[in-house]
Amino acid sequence: CDDLKYLIDHLHQNSIGVILDWIPTHFKHYHLFHQYSMSLHEHDGTNLYASTESQWGTLYFDFD
């Protein structure tokens, strides 16, 4: 997080705008380091937060 803040501050100081393309309504099905940690949808081995899969292969948060 601090590295991102530093990068954005540095870019702004050099008159470079930053657009952050972040989609908070869904998340990856499989974590990059799957053997070391589970993705958010199976943090404790159960499907806690996911509902259906999106067209991009990510999972939507289940707010119900």
C-alpha atoms as a PDB file:
ATOM      1  CA  CYS A   1       0.000   0.000   0.000  1.00  0.00           C
ATOM      2  CA  ASP A   2       2.795   2.430   0.876  1.00  0.00           C
ATOM      3  CA  ASP A   3       4.589   1.619  -2.376  1.00  0.00           C
ATOM      4  CA  LEU A   4       1.458   2.481  -4.344  1.00  0.00           C
ATOM      5  CA  LYS A   5       1.066   5.766  -2.443  1.00  0.00           C
ATOM      6  CA  TYR A   6       4.706   6.610  -3.121  1.00  0.00           C
ATOM      7  CA  LEU A   7       4.327   5.838  -6.825  1.00  0.00           C
ATOM      8  CA  ILE A   8       1.166   7.938  -7.150  1.00  0.00           C
ATOM      9  CA  ASP A   9       2.729  10.855  -5.239  1.00  0.00           C
ATOM     10  CA  HIS A  10       5.831  10.688  -7.432  1.00  0.00           C
ATOM     11  CA  LEU A  11       3.748  10.627 -10.600  1.00  0.00           C
ATOM     12  CA  HIS A  12       1.606  13.554  -9.422  1.00  0.00           C
ATOM     13  CA  GLN A  13       4.734  15.580  -8.580  1.00  0.00           C
ATOM     14  CA  ASN A  14       5.771  15.081 -12.198  1.00  0.00           C
ATOM     15  CA  SER A  15       2.363  16.180 -13.550  1.00  0.00           C
ATOM     16  CA  ILE A  16       1.304  12.653 -14.462  1.00  0.00           C
ATOM     17  CA  GLY A  17      -2.279  11.723 -13.683  1.00  0.00           C
ATOM     18  CA  VAL A  18      -3.221   8.312 -12.324  1.00  0.00           C
ATOM     19  CA  ILE A  19      -6.362   6.347 -13.122  1.00  0.00           C
ATOM     20  CA  LEU A  20      -6.966   3.344 -10.896  1.00  0.00           C
ATOM     21  CA  ASP A  21      -9.146   0.730 -12.588  1.00  0.00           C
ATOM     22  CA  TRP A  22     -10.464  -1.208  -9.611  1.00  0.00           C
ATOM     23  CA  ILE A  23     -13.614  -3.327  -9.597  1.00  0.00           C
ATOM     24  CA  PRO A  24     -14.653  -3.884  -5.972  1.00  0.00           C
ATOM     25  CA  THR A  25     -17.716  -6.012  -6.727  1.00  0.00           C
ATOM     26  CA  HIS A  26     -15.874  -9.205  -7.608  1.00  0.00           C
ATOM     27  CA  PHE A  27     -12.597 -10.993  -6.909  1.00  0.00           C
ATOM     28  CA  LYS A  28     -10.363 -13.720  -8.278  1.00  0.00           C
ATOM     29  CA  HIS A  29     -11.499 -17.323  -8.021  1.00  0.00           C
ATOM     30  CA  TYR A  30      -7.961 -18.658  -7.531  1.00  0.00           C
ATOM     31  CA  HIS A  31      -5.144 -16.851  -5.766  1.00  0.00           C
ATOM     32  CA  LEU A  32      -1.769 -16.533  -7.528  1.00  0.00           C
ATOM     33  CA  PHE A  33      -0.047 -18.201  -4.554  1.00  0.00           C
ATOM     34  CA  HIS A  34      -2.756 -20.836  -4.116  1.00  0.00           C
ATOM     35  CA  GLN A  35      -0.483 -23.345  -2.364  1.00  0.00           C
ATOM     36  CA  TYR A  36       0.367 -20.751   0.319  1.00  0.00           C
ATOM     37  CA  SER A  37      -2.921 -18.953   0.874  1.00  0.00           C
ATOM     38  CA  MET A  38      -6.485 -19.357  -0.249  1.00  0.00           C
ATOM     39  CA  SER A  39      -8.327 -16.709  -2.198  1.00  0.00           C
ATOM     40  CA  LEU A  40     -10.932 -14.629  -0.389  1.00  0.00           C
ATOM     41  CA  HIS A  41     -13.738 -16.996  -1.375  1.00  0.00           C
ATOM     42  CA  GLU A  42     -12.263 -19.932   0.596  1.00  0.00           C
ATOM     43  CA  HIS A  43     -10.175 -18.290   3.316  1.00  0.00           C
ATOM     44  CA  ASP A  44     -11.096 -20.928   5.886  1.00  0.00           C
ATOM     45  CA  GLY A  45     -11.901 -23.694   3.400  1.00  0.00           C
ATOM     46  CA  THR A  46     -15.541 -22.744   2.899  1.00  0.00           C
ATOM     47  CA  ASN A  47     -17.171 -20.517   0.339  1.00  0.00           C
ATOM     48  CA  LEU A  48     -17.775 -17.474   2.552  1.00  0.00           C
ATOM     49  CA  TYR A  49     -18.251 -14.525   0.264  1.00  0.00           C
ATOM     50  CA  ALA A  50     -18.839 -15.687  -3.290  1.00  0.00           C
ATOM     51  CA  SER A  51     -22.047 -16.157  -5.166  1.00  0.00           C
ATOM     52  CA  THR A  52     -21.882 -16.662  -8.927  1.00  0.00           C
ATOM     53  CA  GLU A  53     -18.973 -16.567 -11.326  1.00  0.00           C
ATOM     54  CA  SER A  54     -18.668 -13.607 -13.692  1.00  0.00           C
ATOM     55  CA  GLN A  55     -17.913 -13.735 -17.405  1.00  0.00           C
ATOM     56  CA  TRP A  56     -14.262 -12.940 -16.566  1.00  0.00           C
ATOM     57  CA  GLY A  57     -13.792 -15.970 -14.314  1.00  0.00           C
ATOM     58  CA  THR A  58     -14.001 -13.926 -11.115  1.00  0.00           C
ATOM     59  CA  LEU A  59     -16.527 -14.306  -8.306  1.00  0.00           C
ATOM     60  CA  TYR A  60     -19.117 -11.766  -7.201  1.00  0.00           C
ATOM     61  CA  PHE A  61     -19.496 -10.878  -3.538  1.00  0.00           C
ATOM     62  CA  ASP A  62     -22.615 -12.365  -1.979  1.00  0.00           C
ATOM     63  CA  PHE A  63     -24.110  -9.581   0.136  1.00  0.00           C
ATOM     64  CA  ASP A  64     -27.120 -11.608   1.296  1.00  0.00           C
END
